[in-house]
N, C-alpha and C. Protein backbone atom coordinates (compact mmCIF):
# COMPACT_ATOMS: atom_id res chain seq x y z
N MET A 1 1.29 -1.28 -0.16
CA MET A 1 -0.10 -0.17 0.06
C MET A 1 0.99 1.29 0.08
N ALA A 2 0.59 2.16 -0.99
CA ALA A 2 1.44 3.10 -0.67
C ALA A 2 0.64 4.17 -0.06
N ALA A 3 1.65 5.27 0.55
CA ALA A 3 1.01 6.75 1.00
C ALA A 3 0.11 7.49 0.24
N THR A 4 -0.92 7.07 1.27
CA THR A 4 -2.08 8.47 0.90
C THR A 4 -1.91 9.80 0.64
N ALA A 5 -2.79 10.42 -0.24
CA ALA A 5 -2.45 11.73 -0.82
C ALA A 5 -2.73 12.14 0.64
N SER A 6 -3.09 12.38 1.50
CA SER A 6 -3.20 13.11 2.99
C SER A 6 -1.15 13.27 3.58
N THR A 7 -1.11 12.17 3.42
CA THR A 7 0.09 11.65 3.95
C THR A 7 1.45 12.05 3.46
N ARG A 8 1.19 12.40 1.73
CA ARG A 8 1.96 12.78 1.33
C ARG A 8 2.01 14.36 1.16
N ARG A 9 0.74 14.79 1.38
CA ARG A 9 0.96 16.27 1.51
C ARG A 9 1.56 16.94 2.77
N ILE A 10 0.89 16.02 4.01
CA ILE A 10 1.33 16.68 5.49
C ILE A 10 3.41 16.54 5.16
N PHE A 11 4.05 15.46 4.72
CA PHE A 11 5.43 15.47 4.31
C PHE A 11 5.84 16.76 3.79
N ASN A 12 5.43 17.09 2.70
CA ASN A 12 5.32 18.16 1.59
C ASN A 12 5.31 19.27 2.65
N LEU A 13 4.52 19.59 3.37
CA LEU A 13 3.99 20.56 3.84
C LEU A 13 5.49 21.11 5.36
N PHE A 14 5.52 19.64 5.95
CA PHE A 14 6.54 19.42 7.04
C PHE A 14 7.76 20.37 6.21
N ALA A 15 8.07 19.79 4.45
CA ALA A 15 9.78 19.84 3.90
C ALA A 15 9.15 21.52 4.07
N ASP A 16 8.35 22.19 3.58
CA ASP A 16 8.14 23.25 3.08
C ASP A 16 8.41 24.42 4.47
N ILE A 17 8.00 24.03 5.53
CA ILE A 17 8.17 24.57 7.05
C ILE A 17 9.72 24.65 7.15
N LEU A 18 10.28 23.46 7.32
CA LEU A 18 11.69 23.75 7.27
C LEU A 18 12.35 23.98 6.44
N GLU A 19 11.86 24.42 5.43
CA GLU A 19 12.98 25.04 4.07
C GLU A 19 13.57 26.47 4.85
N TYR A 20 14.29 27.14 4.02
CA TYR A 20 14.45 29.01 4.60
C TYR A 20 13.38 29.17 4.13
N PRO A 21 13.16 30.07 5.18
CA PRO A 21 11.71 31.05 5.26
C PRO A 21 11.31 31.79 4.41
N ARG A 22 9.71 31.37 3.46
CA ARG A 22 9.45 32.07 2.46
C ARG A 22 8.23 32.48 2.51
N PRO A 23 7.21 33.80 2.10
CA PRO A 23 6.33 34.21 2.23
C PRO A 23 5.02 33.09 2.11
N GLY A 24 4.33 33.08 3.12
CA GLY A 24 3.31 32.26 3.40
C GLY A 24 3.72 30.89 3.96
N LEU A 25 4.64 31.14 4.81
CA LEU A 25 5.13 30.56 5.77
C LEU A 25 4.07 29.54 6.84
N ALA A 26 3.27 30.68 7.60
CA ALA A 26 2.27 30.91 8.61
C ALA A 26 1.25 29.83 7.93
N GLU A 27 0.77 30.42 6.85
CA GLU A 27 -0.30 29.56 6.10
C GLU A 27 0.34 28.18 5.79
N THR A 28 1.28 28.02 5.53
CA THR A 28 1.72 26.68 5.17
C THR A 28 1.59 25.51 6.80
N ALA A 29 2.20 26.32 7.67
CA ALA A 29 2.39 25.80 8.78
C ALA A 29 0.31 25.36 9.57
N ARG A 30 -0.40 26.32 9.06
CA ARG A 30 -1.82 26.24 9.67
C ARG A 30 -2.37 25.18 8.85
N ALA A 31 -1.86 24.91 7.15
CA ALA A 31 -2.54 23.65 6.37
C ALA A 31 -1.70 22.16 7.03
N CYS A 32 -0.68 22.50 7.63
CA CYS A 32 -0.31 21.20 7.97
C CYS A 32 -1.13 20.81 9.08
N ALA A 33 -1.11 22.08 10.30
CA ALA A 33 -1.72 21.70 11.11
C ALA A 33 -3.27 21.17 11.02
N ALA A 34 -3.86 21.69 9.95
CA ALA A 34 -5.36 21.48 9.62
C ALA A 34 -5.06 19.41 9.38
N LEU A 35 -4.56 19.43 8.36
CA LEU A 35 -4.18 17.79 8.04
C LEU A 35 -3.91 17.06 9.10
N LEU A 36 -3.61 17.12 10.29
CA LEU A 36 -3.35 16.67 11.42
C LEU A 36 -4.26 16.81 12.45
N ALA A 37 -5.29 17.20 12.53
CA ALA A 37 -6.20 17.80 13.34
C ALA A 37 -6.80 16.49 14.16
N GLU A 38 -7.06 15.90 13.41
CA GLU A 38 -7.86 14.78 14.10
C GLU A 38 -6.85 13.84 14.84
N ALA A 39 -5.53 13.66 14.37
CA ALA A 39 -5.10 12.81 14.97
C ALA A 39 -4.09 13.35 16.22
N ASN A 40 -3.62 14.58 16.25
CA ASN A 40 -2.49 14.83 16.90
C ASN A 40 -2.97 16.33 17.45
N ALA A 41 -3.47 16.23 19.13
CA ALA A 41 -4.03 18.00 19.18
C ALA A 41 -2.64 18.87 19.41
N GLU A 42 -1.75 17.83 20.21
CA GLU A 42 -0.21 18.51 20.65
C GLU A 42 0.44 19.07 19.29
N ALA A 43 0.59 17.74 18.63
CA ALA A 43 1.07 18.70 16.91
C ALA A 43 1.07 19.95 16.50
N VAL A 44 -0.88 19.92 16.39
CA VAL A 44 -1.69 21.26 15.49
C VAL A 44 -1.06 22.21 16.93
N ALA A 45 -1.33 22.30 17.79
CA ALA A 45 -0.75 23.15 18.89
C ALA A 45 0.53 23.71 18.58
N LEU A 46 1.56 23.16 18.66
CA LEU A 46 2.50 23.37 18.41
C LEU A 46 2.67 24.16 16.94
N LEU A 47 2.49 23.33 16.06
CA LEU A 47 1.82 24.00 14.51
C LEU A 47 1.11 25.55 14.53
N GLY A 48 0.22 25.50 15.25
CA GLY A 48 -0.62 26.79 15.65
C GLY A 48 0.50 27.95 16.52
N GLU A 49 1.21 27.43 17.32
CA GLU A 49 2.08 28.79 17.95
C GLU A 49 3.26 28.90 16.97
N PHE A 50 3.25 28.03 16.38
CA PHE A 50 4.92 28.52 15.42
C PHE A 50 4.23 29.23 14.60
N ALA A 51 3.02 29.10 13.44
CA ALA A 51 2.17 29.92 12.93
C ALA A 51 1.73 31.36 12.98
N ALA A 52 1.75 31.28 14.63
CA ALA A 52 1.22 32.58 14.94
C ALA A 52 2.54 33.66 15.50
N PHE A 53 3.67 32.89 15.49
CA PHE A 53 4.99 33.68 15.64
C PHE A 53 5.49 33.56 14.58
N VAL A 54 5.15 33.30 13.29
CA VAL A 54 5.88 33.64 12.34
C VAL A 54 5.27 34.97 11.36
N ALA A 55 3.49 34.91 11.95
CA ALA A 55 2.94 35.87 11.36
C ALA A 55 3.18 37.29 12.18
N ALA A 56 3.74 36.98 13.32
CA ALA A 56 4.01 38.30 14.05
C ALA A 56 5.52 38.97 13.74
N THR A 57 6.22 38.21 12.75
CA THR A 57 7.60 38.05 12.96
C THR A 57 8.35 39.20 11.79
N PRO A 58 8.67 40.43 11.50
CA PRO A 58 9.46 40.25 10.20
C PRO A 58 10.09 39.36 9.44
N PRO A 59 9.95 39.42 8.45
CA PRO A 59 10.96 38.16 7.25
C PRO A 59 12.12 38.31 7.49
N GLY A 60 12.88 39.47 7.78
CA GLY A 60 14.43 39.32 8.42
C GLY A 60 14.82 38.62 9.40
N ARG A 61 13.64 38.86 10.43
CA ARG A 61 14.35 38.69 11.81
C ARG A 61 14.25 36.65 11.77
N LEU A 62 13.13 36.42 10.71
CA LEU A 62 12.81 35.31 10.66
C LEU A 62 13.64 34.15 10.05
N GLU A 63 14.51 35.00 9.26
CA GLU A 63 15.27 34.08 8.40
C GLU A 63 16.54 34.53 9.16
N GLU A 64 17.00 35.04 10.17
CA GLU A 64 18.10 35.41 11.66
C GLU A 64 17.41 33.95 12.39
N ILE A 65 16.74 33.75 12.79
CA ILE A 65 16.35 32.79 13.10
C ILE A 65 16.23 31.63 12.96
N TYR A 66 16.11 31.09 11.56
CA TYR A 66 16.13 30.24 10.66
C TYR A 66 17.16 29.56 11.11
N THR A 67 18.40 30.53 10.44
CA THR A 67 20.04 30.45 10.60
C THR A 67 20.56 30.06 11.68
N ALA A 68 20.22 30.61 12.68
CA ALA A 68 20.38 30.72 14.22
C ALA A 68 20.14 28.59 14.66
N ALA A 69 19.13 28.63 14.41
CA ALA A 69 18.55 27.27 14.73
C ALA A 69 19.30 25.95 13.59
N PHE A 70 19.43 26.32 12.01
CA PHE A 70 19.45 25.16 11.32
C PHE A 70 21.02 24.96 10.99
N ASP A 71 21.68 26.56 10.86
CA ASP A 71 23.05 26.36 10.56
C ASP A 71 24.12 26.76 12.00
N LEU A 72 23.75 27.39 13.05
CA LEU A 72 24.99 27.79 13.99
C LEU A 72 24.48 27.10 15.03
N ASP A 73 23.55 26.04 15.19
CA ASP A 73 23.13 25.40 16.44
C ASP A 73 23.01 23.84 16.05
N ALA A 74 23.94 23.20 16.91
CA ALA A 74 24.21 21.41 16.65
C ALA A 74 23.23 20.94 16.64
N THR A 75 22.75 21.23 17.52
CA THR A 75 20.75 20.83 18.18
C THR A 75 20.34 20.32 17.19
N TYR A 76 19.85 21.62 16.21
CA TYR A 76 18.41 21.15 15.41
C TYR A 76 19.74 21.63 13.50
N TYR A 77 21.14 21.01 13.80
CA TYR A 77 21.66 20.73 12.63
C TYR A 77 20.91 19.51 11.70
N PRO A 78 20.24 20.06 10.48
CA PRO A 78 19.43 19.53 9.71
C PRO A 78 19.44 17.91 9.13
N TYR A 79 21.11 17.58 9.29
CA TYR A 79 21.48 16.43 8.70
C TYR A 79 21.07 15.00 9.68
N VAL A 80 20.47 14.30 9.10
CA VAL A 80 19.80 13.58 10.47
C VAL A 80 21.00 12.85 10.59
N SER A 81 21.77 11.96 9.85
CA SER A 81 22.94 11.01 10.10
C SER A 81 23.50 11.98 11.08
N TYR A 82 23.65 13.01 11.02
CA TYR A 82 24.37 13.37 12.15
C TYR A 82 24.51 13.22 13.57
N HIS A 83 22.92 13.20 13.64
CA HIS A 83 22.36 12.96 15.19
C HIS A 83 22.69 11.51 15.44
N LEU A 84 22.55 10.69 14.34
CA LEU A 84 22.38 9.36 14.79
C LEU A 84 24.16 8.65 14.78
N LEU A 85 24.59 9.27 14.21
CA LEU A 85 26.49 8.38 13.49
C LEU A 85 27.66 9.40 14.19
N GLY A 86 27.11 10.99 14.44
CA GLY A 86 28.36 12.04 14.56
C GLY A 86 28.90 11.84 13.42
N GLU A 87 29.84 12.43 13.09
CA GLU A 87 30.85 12.79 12.11
C GLU A 87 31.42 11.52 12.02
N SER A 88 31.84 10.77 11.11
CA SER A 88 32.37 9.38 11.53
C SER A 88 32.45 8.49 9.65
N TYR A 89 33.10 7.27 9.58
CA TYR A 89 32.77 6.90 8.44
C TYR A 89 31.68 5.93 8.33
N THR A 90 31.00 5.68 9.15
CA THR A 90 29.49 5.02 9.19
C THR A 90 29.07 6.16 8.88
N ARG A 91 28.86 7.44 9.22
CA ARG A 91 27.70 8.54 8.66
C ARG A 91 27.98 8.60 7.29
N SER A 92 29.29 8.46 6.72
CA SER A 92 29.49 8.52 5.27
C SER A 92 29.06 7.01 4.46
N ALA A 93 29.13 6.46 5.12
CA ALA A 93 28.24 5.28 4.46
C ALA A 93 27.01 5.31 4.74
N PHE A 94 26.37 5.87 5.65
CA PHE A 94 25.18 5.67 5.48
C PHE A 94 24.38 7.23 4.61
N ILE A 95 25.27 7.59 4.51
CA ILE A 95 25.04 8.55 3.15
C ILE A 95 24.71 8.55 2.03
N VAL A 96 26.02 7.49 1.50
CA VAL A 96 26.21 6.81 0.12
C VAL A 96 24.82 5.94 0.16
N GLU A 97 24.51 5.16 1.28
CA GLU A 97 23.67 3.92 0.73
C GLU A 97 22.30 4.98 0.86
N LEU A 98 21.85 5.75 1.47
CA LEU A 98 20.71 6.64 1.09
C LEU A 98 20.56 7.49 -0.04
N LYS A 99 21.65 7.99 -0.59
CA LYS A 99 21.78 8.04 -2.12
C LYS A 99 21.23 7.35 -3.05
N ALA A 100 22.13 5.82 -3.02
CA ALA A 100 21.56 4.62 -3.85
C ALA A 100 20.32 4.04 -3.40
N ARG A 101 19.57 4.31 -2.76
CA ARG A 101 18.23 4.12 -2.55
C ARG A 101 17.31 4.95 -2.91
N TYR A 102 17.90 6.38 -3.01
CA TYR A 102 17.26 7.37 -3.57
C TYR A 102 17.33 6.96 -5.19
N GLN A 103 18.00 6.68 -5.55
CA GLN A 103 18.20 6.75 -7.09
C GLN A 103 17.36 5.43 -7.79
N VAL A 104 17.55 4.32 -6.80
CA VAL A 104 16.80 3.22 -7.03
C VAL A 104 15.17 3.59 -7.46
N GLN A 105 14.69 4.53 -6.80
CA GLN A 105 13.46 5.39 -6.57
C GLN A 105 13.25 6.37 -7.42
N GLY A 106 14.39 6.72 -8.38
CA GLY A 106 13.95 7.56 -9.25
C GLY A 106 13.85 9.06 -8.77
N PHE A 107 14.31 9.30 -7.58
CA PHE A 107 14.37 10.41 -6.78
C PHE A 107 15.97 11.15 -6.72
N ASP A 108 15.67 12.40 -7.00
CA ASP A 108 17.09 12.99 -7.50
C ASP A 108 17.19 14.09 -6.03
N VAL A 109 18.29 14.10 -5.70
CA VAL A 109 18.65 15.08 -4.18
C VAL A 109 19.19 16.03 -4.77
N GLU A 110 19.62 16.00 -6.47
CA GLU A 110 19.87 17.84 -6.39
C GLU A 110 21.49 18.15 -5.79
N ASN A 111 20.80 19.25 -4.91
CA ASN A 111 22.44 19.73 -4.76
C ASN A 111 22.64 19.86 -2.90
N GLU A 112 21.92 19.04 -2.23
CA GLU A 112 21.99 18.85 -1.46
C GLU A 112 22.45 17.07 -0.72
N LEU A 113 22.67 17.39 0.37
CA LEU A 113 22.84 15.71 1.05
C LEU A 113 22.10 15.27 1.04
N PRO A 114 21.83 13.48 0.62
CA PRO A 114 20.72 12.76 0.65
C PRO A 114 19.98 12.99 2.73
N ASP A 115 20.63 13.32 3.32
CA ASP A 115 20.02 12.80 4.82
C ASP A 115 19.80 14.39 5.39
N HIS A 116 19.67 15.48 4.46
CA HIS A 116 19.06 16.51 4.94
C HIS A 116 17.26 16.41 5.46
N LEU A 117 16.76 17.13 6.04
CA LEU A 117 15.79 16.43 6.87
C LEU A 117 14.50 16.92 5.77
N VAL A 118 14.67 17.89 5.08
CA VAL A 118 13.67 18.43 4.24
C VAL A 118 13.96 17.73 3.04
N VAL A 119 15.19 16.92 2.44
CA VAL A 119 15.17 16.28 1.40
C VAL A 119 14.51 14.48 1.54
N ILE A 120 14.78 13.93 2.91
CA ILE A 120 13.89 12.78 3.14
C ILE A 120 12.53 12.90 3.76
N LEU A 121 11.98 14.46 3.75
CA LEU A 121 10.52 14.57 3.92
C LEU A 121 10.02 14.56 2.34
N ARG A 122 11.02 15.01 1.74
CA ARG A 122 10.71 15.37 0.06
C ARG A 122 10.26 13.52 -0.29
N PHE A 123 11.29 13.21 0.14
CA PHE A 123 11.82 11.87 -0.79
C PHE A 123 9.73 10.83 -0.32
N LEU A 124 9.78 10.95 1.38
CA LEU A 124 8.59 10.53 1.77
C LEU A 124 7.54 10.65 1.22
N ALA A 125 7.15 12.07 1.04
CA ALA A 125 6.11 12.62 0.46
C ALA A 125 6.20 11.74 -1.37
N GLY A 126 7.02 11.20 -2.18
CA GLY A 126 7.12 10.86 -3.16
C GLY A 126 7.38 9.05 -3.23
N CYS A 127 7.54 8.50 -2.24
CA CYS A 127 8.26 7.00 -2.14
C CYS A 127 7.24 6.31 -2.23
N ASP A 128 6.64 5.25 -3.20
CA ASP A 128 5.49 3.94 -3.22
C ASP A 128 6.02 3.06 -2.52
N ASP A 129 7.59 3.01 -2.06
CA ASP A 129 7.82 1.64 -1.37
C ASP A 129 7.58 1.78 -0.45
N ALA A 130 6.52 1.02 0.77
CA ALA A 130 6.27 1.20 1.77
C ALA A 130 7.18 0.64 2.58
N ALA A 131 7.99 -0.29 2.38
CA ALA A 131 9.30 -0.67 3.47
C ALA A 131 10.35 0.33 3.67
N LEU A 132 10.93 0.64 2.54
CA LEU A 132 11.92 1.85 2.43
C LEU A 132 10.77 2.93 3.36
N ALA A 133 10.10 3.44 3.37
CA ALA A 133 9.60 4.40 3.98
C ALA A 133 9.57 4.22 5.26
N ALA A 134 9.13 3.30 5.52
CA ALA A 134 8.64 3.05 7.19
C ALA A 134 10.24 2.48 7.75
N GLU A 135 11.19 2.16 7.30
CA GLU A 135 12.73 1.94 7.59
C GLU A 135 12.94 3.09 7.78
N LEU A 136 12.78 4.00 6.63
CA LEU A 136 13.48 5.61 6.86
C LEU A 136 13.28 6.24 8.20
N ILE A 137 11.43 6.03 8.45
CA ILE A 137 11.22 6.96 9.28
C ILE A 137 11.43 5.98 10.72
N ASP A 138 11.54 4.67 11.16
CA ASP A 138 11.63 4.39 11.98
C ASP A 138 13.09 4.06 12.71
N ASP A 139 14.12 4.02 11.64
CA ASP A 139 15.34 3.72 11.76
C ASP A 139 16.25 5.14 11.78
N ALA A 140 15.70 5.92 11.27
CA ALA A 140 16.33 7.15 10.85
C ALA A 140 15.72 8.22 11.56
N LEU A 141 14.74 8.63 11.00
CA LEU A 141 14.05 9.65 10.91
C LEU A 141 13.28 10.12 12.33
N ARG A 142 12.62 9.00 13.17
CA ARG A 142 11.99 9.50 14.31
C ARG A 142 13.38 9.53 15.47
N PRO A 143 14.73 8.50 15.53
CA PRO A 143 15.52 8.76 16.47
C PRO A 143 15.88 9.96 16.56
N ALA A 144 16.66 10.64 14.91
CA ALA A 144 17.29 11.78 14.98
C ALA A 144 16.39 12.92 15.44
N LEU A 145 15.14 13.20 15.26
CA LEU A 145 14.14 13.78 15.84
C LEU A 145 13.92 13.98 17.15
N ALA A 146 14.13 12.67 17.81
CA ALA A 146 13.67 12.45 19.39
C ALA A 146 14.90 13.09 19.76
N ARG A 147 16.52 13.11 18.99
CA ARG A 147 17.76 13.83 19.99
C ARG A 147 17.40 15.07 19.88
N MET A 148 16.70 15.95 18.27
CA MET A 148 17.01 17.43 17.88
C MET A 148 16.06 17.66 19.12
N VAL A 149 15.12 17.11 19.58
CA VAL A 149 13.83 17.71 20.48
C VAL A 149 14.25 16.94 21.91
N GLY A 150 14.90 16.69 22.22
CA GLY A 150 15.32 16.02 23.41
C GLY A 150 15.82 16.80 24.61
N GLN A 151 16.07 16.65 26.05
CA GLN A 151 16.79 17.56 26.89
C GLN A 151 17.43 18.45 26.55
N GLU A 152 18.41 18.48 25.26
CA GLU A 152 19.18 19.60 25.29
C GLU A 152 18.50 20.49 25.02
N ALA A 153 17.72 20.34 23.99
CA ALA A 153 16.59 21.61 23.87
C ALA A 153 15.45 21.75 24.40
N ALA A 154 15.42 21.24 25.60
CA ALA A 154 13.57 20.99 26.64
C ALA A 154 13.93 22.82 26.52
N GLU A 155 14.44 23.41 26.80
CA GLU A 155 14.67 24.75 27.51
C GLU A 155 14.73 25.56 26.24
N ASP A 156 15.16 25.41 25.22
CA ASP A 156 15.38 26.34 24.06
C ASP A 156 13.82 26.79 23.25
N ALA A 157 14.00 28.53 23.20
CA ALA A 157 12.74 29.21 22.97
C ALA A 157 12.68 29.46 21.48
N ASN A 158 13.70 28.87 20.40
CA ASN A 158 13.62 28.73 19.05
C ASN A 158 12.16 28.15 18.48
N PRO A 159 11.50 28.67 18.13
CA PRO A 159 10.17 28.20 17.23
C PRO A 159 10.43 27.20 16.35
N TYR A 160 11.66 27.06 15.65
CA TYR A 160 11.76 25.71 14.66
C TYR A 160 11.58 24.63 15.55
N ARG A 161 11.76 24.80 16.82
CA ARG A 161 11.80 23.41 18.14
C ARG A 161 10.44 23.02 17.79
N ALA A 162 9.18 24.07 18.00
CA ALA A 162 7.96 23.33 17.90
C ALA A 162 7.67 22.71 17.00
N VAL A 163 8.44 23.06 15.51
CA VAL A 163 7.42 22.11 14.16
C VAL A 163 8.57 20.72 14.51
N LEU A 164 10.19 20.93 15.02
CA LEU A 164 10.11 19.56 15.20
C LEU A 164 9.72 18.71 15.80
N GLN A 165 8.98 19.58 17.06
CA GLN A 165 8.24 18.38 18.13
C GLN A 165 6.97 17.60 17.36
N ALA A 166 6.43 19.00 16.36
CA ALA A 166 5.38 18.59 15.97
C ALA A 166 5.69 17.35 14.90
N LEU A 167 6.62 17.58 14.06
CA LEU A 167 6.66 16.03 13.20
C LEU A 167 7.33 14.93 13.76
N HIS A 168 8.36 15.06 15.18
CA HIS A 168 8.44 14.20 15.82
C HIS A 168 6.85 13.60 16.57
N LEU A 169 5.85 14.13 16.66
CA LEU A 169 4.57 13.46 17.31
C LEU A 169 3.59 12.93 16.28
N ALA A 170 3.73 13.74 15.29
CA ALA A 170 3.77 13.37 13.92
C ALA A 170 3.46 11.72 13.33
N LEU A 171 4.99 11.58 13.64
CA LEU A 171 5.29 10.17 13.25
C LEU A 171 5.42 8.92 14.43
N GLU A 172 4.85 9.11 15.60
CA GLU A 172 4.97 8.48 17.17
C GLU A 172 3.74 7.41 16.48
N PRO A 173 4.05 6.30 16.91
CA PRO A 173 3.19 4.86 16.37
C PRO A 173 1.72 5.58 16.76
N GLN A 174 1.52 5.64 17.94
CA GLN A 174 0.48 6.45 17.75
C GLN A 174 -0.67 7.43 17.04
N ALA A 175 0.62 8.17 15.91
CA ALA A 175 -0.07 8.93 15.36
C ALA A 175 -0.20 8.78 14.02
N ALA A 176 1.09 8.07 13.96
CA ALA A 176 1.55 7.46 12.39
C ALA A 176 0.63 6.87 11.61
N GLY A 177 -0.79 6.56 12.20
CA GLY A 177 -1.97 6.11 10.91
C GLY A 177 -2.45 7.08 10.28
N VAL A 178 -2.25 8.29 10.87
CA VAL A 178 -2.68 9.79 10.26
C VAL A 178 -1.38 10.11 8.47
N VAL A 179 -0.32 9.80 8.81
CA VAL A 179 0.81 10.07 7.97
C VAL A 179 1.09 8.89 7.14
N GLY A 180 0.49 7.55 7.60
CA GLY A 180 0.30 6.56 6.61
C GLY A 180 1.69 5.29 7.06
N VAL A 181 2.35 5.69 8.23
CA VAL A 181 3.65 4.89 8.47
C VAL A 181 3.08 3.49 8.97
N ARG A 182 2.29 3.57 9.75
CA ARG A 182 1.67 2.08 10.29
C ARG A 182 1.17 1.58 9.11
N GLN A 183 0.32 2.07 8.42
CA GLN A 183 -0.39 1.49 7.51
C GLN A 183 0.59 1.04 6.07
N MET A 184 1.74 1.72 6.19
CA MET A 184 2.51 1.17 5.09
C MET A 184 3.36 0.14 5.54
N GLN A 185 3.52 -0.22 7.11
CA GLN A 185 4.09 -1.25 7.47
C GLN A 185 3.27 -2.60 7.66
N GLY A 186 1.75 -2.01 7.66
CA GLY A 186 1.22 -3.28 7.87
C GLY A 186 0.91 -3.58 6.04
N ALA A 187 1.51 -2.94 5.13
CA ALA A 187 1.00 -3.59 4.12
C ALA A 187 2.51 -4.30 3.67
N ARG A 188 3.69 -3.97 4.32
CA ARG A 188 4.80 -4.56 3.98
C ARG A 188 4.61 -6.02 5.12
N ASP A 189 4.30 -5.89 6.42
CA ASP A 189 4.49 -7.16 6.84
C ASP A 189 3.26 -8.23 6.39
N HIS A 190 2.37 -8.10 5.68
CA HIS A 190 1.46 -9.07 5.21
C HIS A 190 1.19 -9.11 3.97
N ALA A 191 2.67 -8.44 3.20
CA ALA A 191 3.08 -9.18 1.69
C ALA A 191 4.03 -10.05 1.44
């Protein structure tokens, strides 16, 4: 079973939110929250807070906040394998393997490393291989997000933390049916 249209939309919306800030960001966060509304009230609240912050923040300041979070703070470094493996040979091997899996699926990474959070979300939005998607979510994305929003970040007031928390909550097993993860795994297990 492939991911649903709603699932694909959720992954794409989170990717849009986590890209460098562009006009319409608050609306994008609200649209993502609306798709998650029935499944995860906490994720919806976090996205609502983020949308309100974005609406009240000048674009230049928002760009500074984004850069401080994802370029200057290792806590939110947007490369999944960094959070899982650190700077190591194993990380390099992970990146090469991930790129190879993308190529098999016809997914072009373009000018970014394949383990960038936005790239992974874009891949998941278009991935028809349920087993691969579930493996990527369970073995890479969820554990990396857990580290990004864990204890070190608990007191951080950066608004992008709320987005990462919302994504993590949306991918949790109890909410995963909404984003199709468990549905995809069920199809894999019965295949």
